[in-house]
Amino acid sequence: MYVRFISLLFIMTSVVSAAPGDVAMSFPNPGPCPSGMAFDGQYLWSADFKTDSLYAIDPNSGSVVKSMESPSYRPYGLAWDGSGLWVVDAGENTL
């Protein structure tokens, strides 16, 4: 049993060559001042406090799929809870 586990572990580590901190892909942010990021299982959401906008980004291509005005004046954080996108407003200390 122990030998099988070690063999499986060796095979898995030889297949996965990425290490923590490795950059797998990058693309430019749609706005000049990104201030929050969240992933909803399909899209990467980016908040930008300079444009007061939220952007849905296709993580495979980096293209903006959807953009909308932020519901707050100063979006400074994003979170996805499994059904909704939450925006933190740093100017008014609201969620």
N, C-alpha and C. Protein backbone atom coordinates (compact mmCIF):
# COMPACT_ATOMS: atom_id res chain seq x y z
N MET A 1 0.82 -1.19 0.00
CA MET A 1 0.00 0.00 0.00
C MET A 1 0.87 1.26 0.00
N TYR A 2 1.86 1.29 0.87
CA TYR A 2 2.75 2.44 0.98
C TYR A 2 3.51 2.67 -0.32
N VAL A 3 3.97 1.59 -0.97
CA VAL A 3 4.71 1.70 -2.22
C VAL A 3 3.82 2.27 -3.32
N ARG A 4 2.55 1.84 -3.37
CA ARG A 4 1.61 2.38 -4.36
C ARG A 4 1.41 3.87 -4.15
N PHE A 5 1.26 4.29 -2.90
CA PHE A 5 1.06 5.70 -2.60
C PHE A 5 2.27 6.54 -3.05
N ILE A 6 3.46 6.08 -2.74
CA ILE A 6 4.68 6.79 -3.14
C ILE A 6 4.78 6.83 -4.65
N SER A 7 4.46 5.74 -5.33
CA SER A 7 4.50 5.71 -6.80
C SER A 7 3.50 6.69 -7.39
N LEU A 8 2.28 6.70 -6.84
CA LEU A 8 1.26 7.61 -7.32
C LEU A 8 1.67 9.06 -7.06
N LEU A 9 2.22 9.34 -5.91
CA LEU A 9 2.68 10.67 -5.58
C LEU A 9 3.78 11.12 -6.54
N PHE A 10 4.72 10.21 -6.85
CA PHE A 10 5.80 10.54 -7.79
C PHE A 10 5.24 10.84 -9.18
N ILE A 11 4.30 10.05 -9.64
CA ILE A 11 3.69 10.27 -10.96
C ILE A 11 2.96 11.60 -10.98
N MET A 12 2.20 11.89 -9.95
CA MET A 12 1.43 13.14 -9.90
C MET A 12 2.36 14.35 -9.88
N THR A 13 3.43 14.31 -9.13
CA THR A 13 4.33 15.45 -9.06
C THR A 13 5.14 15.62 -10.33
N SER A 14 5.38 14.54 -11.06
CA SER A 14 6.11 14.69 -12.31
C SER A 14 5.21 15.22 -13.42
N VAL A 15 3.90 15.03 -13.32
CA VAL A 15 2.97 15.54 -14.32
C VAL A 15 2.70 17.01 -14.08
N VAL A 16 2.56 17.42 -12.83
CA VAL A 16 2.30 18.81 -12.49
C VAL A 16 3.63 19.51 -12.29
N SER A 17 3.97 20.41 -13.20
CA SER A 17 5.26 21.06 -13.11
C SER A 17 5.17 22.49 -12.59
N ALA A 18 3.98 22.98 -12.31
CA ALA A 18 3.83 24.35 -11.80
C ALA A 18 4.15 24.38 -10.32
N ALA A 19 4.73 25.47 -9.91
CA ALA A 19 5.06 25.69 -8.51
C ALA A 19 4.32 26.92 -8.02
N PRO A 20 4.11 27.05 -6.72
CA PRO A 20 3.47 28.25 -6.21
C PRO A 20 4.22 29.50 -6.68
N GLY A 21 3.46 30.45 -7.18
CA GLY A 21 4.05 31.68 -7.67
C GLY A 21 4.31 31.70 -9.16
N ASP A 22 4.21 30.54 -9.82
CA ASP A 22 4.39 30.50 -11.28
C ASP A 22 3.21 31.20 -11.95
N VAL A 23 3.48 31.98 -12.98
CA VAL A 23 2.44 32.66 -13.74
C VAL A 23 2.03 31.76 -14.90
N ALA A 24 0.77 31.33 -14.91
CA ALA A 24 0.27 30.45 -15.96
C ALA A 24 -0.20 31.26 -17.16
N MET A 25 -0.76 32.44 -16.91
CA MET A 25 -1.30 33.28 -17.97
C MET A 25 -1.45 34.69 -17.43
N SER A 26 -1.32 35.67 -18.28
CA SER A 26 -1.57 37.04 -17.86
C SER A 26 -2.21 37.81 -19.01
N PHE A 27 -2.93 38.87 -18.65
CA PHE A 27 -3.55 39.75 -19.63
C PHE A 27 -3.74 41.10 -18.98
N PRO A 28 -3.86 42.15 -19.78
CA PRO A 28 -4.02 43.49 -19.20
C PRO A 28 -5.38 43.66 -18.52
N ASN A 29 -5.38 44.43 -17.46
CA ASN A 29 -6.63 44.74 -16.76
C ASN A 29 -7.43 45.73 -17.62
N PRO A 30 -8.75 45.60 -17.65
CA PRO A 30 -9.56 46.50 -18.48
C PRO A 30 -9.56 47.96 -17.99
N GLY A 31 -9.34 48.18 -16.71
CA GLY A 31 -9.33 49.54 -16.18
C GLY A 31 -7.94 49.92 -15.69
N PRO A 32 -7.69 51.21 -15.48
CA PRO A 32 -6.36 51.66 -15.08
C PRO A 32 -6.01 51.41 -13.61
N CYS A 33 -7.01 51.23 -12.73
CA CYS A 33 -6.75 51.08 -11.30
C CYS A 33 -7.53 49.92 -10.70
N PRO A 34 -7.08 48.67 -10.93
CA PRO A 34 -7.80 47.53 -10.38
C PRO A 34 -7.80 47.56 -8.86
N SER A 35 -8.95 47.27 -8.26
CA SER A 35 -9.06 47.37 -6.80
C SER A 35 -9.77 46.18 -6.17
N GLY A 36 -10.10 45.18 -6.95
CA GLY A 36 -10.73 43.98 -6.40
C GLY A 36 -10.85 42.92 -7.48
N MET A 37 -10.87 41.66 -7.03
CA MET A 37 -10.97 40.56 -7.97
C MET A 37 -11.70 39.39 -7.32
N ALA A 38 -12.53 38.71 -8.10
CA ALA A 38 -13.24 37.53 -7.62
C ALA A 38 -13.50 36.62 -8.82
N PHE A 39 -13.67 35.33 -8.54
CA PHE A 39 -13.97 34.35 -9.59
C PHE A 39 -15.30 33.70 -9.25
N ASP A 40 -16.23 33.69 -10.20
CA ASP A 40 -17.57 33.13 -9.95
C ASP A 40 -17.75 31.72 -10.49
N GLY A 41 -16.68 31.09 -10.89
CA GLY A 41 -16.76 29.75 -11.45
C GLY A 41 -16.77 29.77 -12.96
N GLN A 42 -17.08 30.92 -13.55
CA GLN A 42 -17.07 31.07 -15.00
C GLN A 42 -16.23 32.26 -15.43
N TYR A 43 -16.42 33.39 -14.77
CA TYR A 43 -15.72 34.62 -15.13
C TYR A 43 -14.87 35.13 -13.97
N LEU A 44 -13.80 35.82 -14.33
CA LEU A 44 -12.99 36.54 -13.38
C LEU A 44 -13.53 37.97 -13.35
N TRP A 45 -13.95 38.42 -12.19
CA TRP A 45 -14.52 39.77 -12.06
C TRP A 45 -13.44 40.70 -11.53
N SER A 46 -13.36 41.88 -12.12
CA SER A 46 -12.40 42.88 -11.70
C SER A 46 -13.13 44.18 -11.41
N ALA A 47 -12.83 44.78 -10.27
CA ALA A 47 -13.37 46.10 -9.92
C ALA A 47 -12.28 47.13 -10.22
N ASP A 48 -12.69 48.30 -10.66
CA ASP A 48 -11.74 49.37 -10.94
C ASP A 48 -12.25 50.65 -10.29
N PHE A 49 -11.45 51.23 -9.36
CA PHE A 49 -11.95 52.40 -8.64
C PHE A 49 -11.81 53.68 -9.44
N LYS A 50 -10.99 53.71 -10.47
CA LYS A 50 -10.85 54.92 -11.30
C LYS A 50 -12.05 55.07 -12.23
N THR A 51 -12.52 53.96 -12.80
CA THR A 51 -13.67 54.01 -13.71
C THR A 51 -14.99 53.72 -13.00
N ASP A 52 -14.92 53.33 -11.70
CA ASP A 52 -16.10 52.92 -10.94
C ASP A 52 -16.90 51.87 -11.70
N SER A 53 -16.19 50.89 -12.23
CA SER A 53 -16.81 49.85 -13.04
C SER A 53 -16.42 48.46 -12.56
N LEU A 54 -17.26 47.49 -12.94
CA LEU A 54 -16.99 46.07 -12.72
C LEU A 54 -16.90 45.41 -14.09
N TYR A 55 -15.92 44.52 -14.23
CA TYR A 55 -15.70 43.86 -15.51
C TYR A 55 -15.73 42.34 -15.32
N ALA A 56 -16.48 41.65 -16.18
CA ALA A 56 -16.45 40.19 -16.23
C ALA A 56 -15.47 39.81 -17.34
N ILE A 57 -14.46 39.05 -16.98
CA ILE A 57 -13.38 38.71 -17.91
C ILE A 57 -13.37 37.20 -18.14
N ASP A 58 -13.28 36.80 -19.39
CA ASP A 58 -13.13 35.38 -19.72
C ASP A 58 -11.71 34.98 -19.34
N PRO A 59 -11.53 34.08 -18.38
CA PRO A 59 -10.17 33.74 -17.94
C PRO A 59 -9.35 32.99 -18.98
N ASN A 60 -9.99 32.42 -19.98
CA ASN A 60 -9.25 31.70 -21.02
C ASN A 60 -8.66 32.63 -22.07
N SER A 61 -9.37 33.71 -22.38
CA SER A 61 -8.90 34.61 -23.43
C SER A 61 -8.47 35.98 -22.91
N GLY A 62 -8.94 36.37 -21.72
CA GLY A 62 -8.64 37.69 -21.17
C GLY A 62 -9.53 38.78 -21.72
N SER A 63 -10.53 38.41 -22.54
CA SER A 63 -11.42 39.42 -23.10
C SER A 63 -12.55 39.76 -22.13
N VAL A 64 -12.96 41.02 -22.18
CA VAL A 64 -14.06 41.50 -21.35
C VAL A 64 -15.37 41.02 -21.96
N VAL A 65 -16.13 40.26 -21.19
CA VAL A 65 -17.39 39.70 -21.65
C VAL A 65 -18.54 40.66 -21.32
N LYS A 66 -18.39 41.35 -20.19
CA LYS A 66 -19.45 42.23 -19.72
C LYS A 66 -18.82 43.31 -18.85
N SER A 67 -19.36 44.50 -18.91
CA SER A 67 -18.93 45.55 -18.00
C SER A 67 -20.16 46.30 -17.52
N MET A 68 -20.05 46.82 -16.30
CA MET A 68 -21.18 47.56 -15.74
C MET A 68 -20.67 48.59 -14.75
N GLU A 69 -21.47 49.60 -14.52
CA GLU A 69 -21.13 50.59 -13.51
C GLU A 69 -21.23 49.95 -12.14
N SER A 70 -20.30 50.27 -11.29
CA SER A 70 -20.32 49.73 -9.93
C SER A 70 -21.51 50.29 -9.16
N PRO A 71 -22.12 49.48 -8.30
CA PRO A 71 -23.23 49.99 -7.49
C PRO A 71 -22.75 50.91 -6.37
N SER A 72 -21.44 51.05 -6.24
CA SER A 72 -20.88 51.90 -5.20
C SER A 72 -19.96 52.95 -5.81
N TYR A 73 -19.65 53.96 -5.02
CA TYR A 73 -18.79 55.05 -5.51
C TYR A 73 -17.34 54.61 -5.63
N ARG A 74 -16.82 53.88 -4.67
CA ARG A 74 -15.42 53.49 -4.65
C ARG A 74 -15.29 51.98 -4.44
N PRO A 75 -15.46 51.17 -5.53
CA PRO A 75 -15.35 49.72 -5.36
C PRO A 75 -13.91 49.33 -5.01
N TYR A 76 -13.75 48.70 -3.87
CA TYR A 76 -12.41 48.36 -3.41
C TYR A 76 -12.24 46.90 -3.03
N GLY A 77 -13.19 46.08 -3.32
CA GLY A 77 -13.05 44.66 -3.04
C GLY A 77 -14.24 43.92 -3.61
N LEU A 78 -14.01 42.70 -4.02
CA LEU A 78 -15.07 41.85 -4.57
C LEU A 78 -15.02 40.48 -3.90
N ALA A 79 -16.17 39.85 -3.81
CA ALA A 79 -16.26 38.48 -3.31
C ALA A 79 -17.44 37.80 -3.97
N TRP A 80 -17.30 36.52 -4.22
CA TRP A 80 -18.37 35.69 -4.79
C TRP A 80 -18.76 34.67 -3.73
N ASP A 81 -20.07 34.61 -3.38
CA ASP A 81 -20.51 33.70 -2.32
C ASP A 81 -21.20 32.45 -2.85
N GLY A 82 -21.14 32.23 -4.14
CA GLY A 82 -21.78 31.06 -4.74
C GLY A 82 -23.05 31.41 -5.48
N SER A 83 -23.62 32.58 -5.17
CA SER A 83 -24.82 33.01 -5.89
C SER A 83 -24.82 34.49 -6.19
N GLY A 84 -23.99 35.27 -5.55
CA GLY A 84 -23.99 36.71 -5.78
C GLY A 84 -22.60 37.31 -5.66
N LEU A 85 -22.40 38.40 -6.39
CA LEU A 85 -21.15 39.15 -6.34
C LEU A 85 -21.30 40.28 -5.33
N TRP A 86 -20.41 40.35 -4.36
CA TRP A 86 -20.44 41.37 -3.32
C TRP A 86 -19.36 42.41 -3.62
N VAL A 87 -19.74 43.68 -3.45
CA VAL A 87 -18.81 44.79 -3.70
C VAL A 87 -18.61 45.57 -2.42
N VAL A 88 -17.35 45.81 -2.05
CA VAL A 88 -17.02 46.62 -0.89
C VAL A 88 -16.79 48.05 -1.37
N ASP A 89 -17.43 49.01 -0.72
CA ASP A 89 -17.26 50.42 -1.03
C ASP A 89 -16.34 51.03 0.02
N ALA A 90 -15.13 51.41 -0.38
CA ALA A 90 -14.16 51.95 0.56
C ALA A 90 -14.49 53.39 0.94
N GLY A 91 -15.19 54.11 0.09
CA GLY A 91 -15.52 55.50 0.39
C GLY A 91 -16.61 55.64 1.43
N GLU A 92 -17.59 54.75 1.40
CA GLU A 92 -18.72 54.84 2.32
C GLU A 92 -18.74 53.72 3.35
N ASN A 93 -17.73 52.85 3.36
CA ASN A 93 -17.64 51.72 4.28
C ASN A 93 -18.90 50.86 4.26
N THR A 94 -19.34 50.50 3.07
CA THR A 94 -20.52 49.66 2.91
C THR A 94 -20.17 48.42 2.11
N LEU A 95 -21.05 47.44 2.18
CA LEU A 95 -20.90 46.19 1.45
C LEU A 95 -22.12 45.99 0.62
